[in-house]
Amino acid sequence: MTEFRFDPPLQLAGAPTATVASLDEAAEFVRAYQGARRPVLQDGVLHQLEGADSGDQRRDAANAFRAWAESEGLLIEP
């Protein structure tokens, strides 16, 4: 099965900024992120990213990650 890829990769604010191109990178970012305004949502997104098996689940997990990053004020629009 093909890995889901963000196209273009997401740019996330931080020190330093981060680039997320895959669901694995998204999960790594979520695990390391400290200070979430909504930690329960953060945990849910991580669970969704880690459990995504089918194409639909990967797409849903990618959308959930993007929405979470935006809600945390992390998403840098190109």
Protein backbone atom coordinates (compact mmCIF):
# COMPACT_ATOMS: atom_id res chain seq x y z
CA MET A 1 0.00 0.00 0.00
CA THR A 2 1.25 3.48 -0.83
CA GLU A 3 2.08 5.86 2.01
CA PHE A 4 -0.05 9.00 2.11
CA ARG A 5 1.96 12.09 1.15
CA PHE A 6 0.99 15.71 1.79
CA ASP A 7 1.32 17.54 -1.52
CA PRO A 8 2.71 20.06 -1.01
CA PRO A 9 4.27 19.17 2.36
CA LEU A 10 2.87 21.09 5.32
CA GLN A 11 4.96 23.84 6.88
CA LEU A 12 4.44 24.11 10.63
CA ALA A 13 5.46 26.94 12.92
CA GLY A 14 7.92 26.29 15.68
CA ALA A 15 11.50 26.84 16.60
CA PRO A 16 12.66 25.73 14.11
CA THR A 17 9.82 25.37 11.64
CA ALA A 18 8.96 21.82 10.62
CA THR A 19 8.03 20.26 7.30
CA VAL A 20 5.60 17.33 7.36
CA ALA A 21 5.28 15.29 4.18
CA SER A 22 3.89 11.95 5.41
CA LEU A 23 1.61 10.49 8.05
CA ASP A 24 4.64 9.04 9.84
CA GLU A 25 6.17 12.51 10.05
CA ALA A 26 2.82 13.89 11.21
CA ALA A 27 2.61 11.29 13.99
CA GLU A 28 6.19 12.06 15.03
CA PHE A 29 5.36 15.78 15.18
CA VAL A 30 2.21 15.17 17.26
CA ARG A 31 4.11 12.93 19.71
CA ALA A 32 6.78 15.58 20.24
CA TYR A 33 4.50 18.64 20.37
CA GLN A 34 4.24 20.18 23.83
CA GLY A 35 1.70 22.72 25.04
CA ALA A 36 -1.35 21.76 23.01
CA ARG A 37 -4.41 23.85 23.79
CA ARG A 38 -6.57 20.76 23.40
CA PRO A 39 -4.50 17.74 24.48
CA VAL A 40 -7.43 15.32 24.19
CA LEU A 41 -7.78 16.30 20.52
CA GLN A 42 -4.01 15.89 20.09
CA ASP A 43 -4.23 12.34 21.51
CA GLY A 44 -7.16 11.54 19.22
CA VAL A 45 -5.30 12.75 16.14
CA LEU A 46 -2.25 10.68 17.10
CA HIS A 47 -4.44 7.60 17.55
CA GLN A 48 -6.02 8.23 14.13
CA LEU A 49 -2.60 8.68 12.47
CA GLU A 50 -1.19 5.52 14.03
CA GLY A 51 -4.24 3.40 13.17
CA ALA A 52 -4.80 4.47 9.57
CA ASP A 53 -4.67 1.35 7.38
CA SER A 54 -6.90 1.92 4.37
CA GLY A 55 -6.76 4.74 1.84
CA ASP A 56 -9.86 6.36 3.32
CA GLN A 57 -8.45 6.13 6.86
CA ARG A 58 -5.14 7.66 5.76
CA ARG A 59 -6.95 10.51 4.03
CA ASP A 60 -9.15 11.09 7.10
CA ALA A 61 -6.08 11.02 9.38
CA ALA A 62 -4.30 13.53 7.13
CA ASN A 63 -7.32 15.83 7.24
CA ALA A 64 -7.53 15.47 11.04
CA PHE A 65 -3.84 16.33 11.38
CA ARG A 66 -4.18 19.37 9.14
CA ALA A 67 -7.24 20.58 11.10
CA TRP A 68 -5.46 20.01 14.43
CA ALA A 69 -2.36 21.89 13.28
CA GLU A 70 -4.53 24.76 12.09
CA SER A 71 -6.48 24.84 15.38
CA GLU A 72 -3.17 25.04 17.28
CA GLY A 73 -2.02 27.94 15.08
CA LEU A 74 0.83 25.87 13.66
CA LEU A 75 -0.06 25.69 9.98
CA ILE A 76 1.89 28.10 7.81
CA GLU A 77 0.01 28.73 4.58
CA PRO A 78 2.15 28.78 1.43
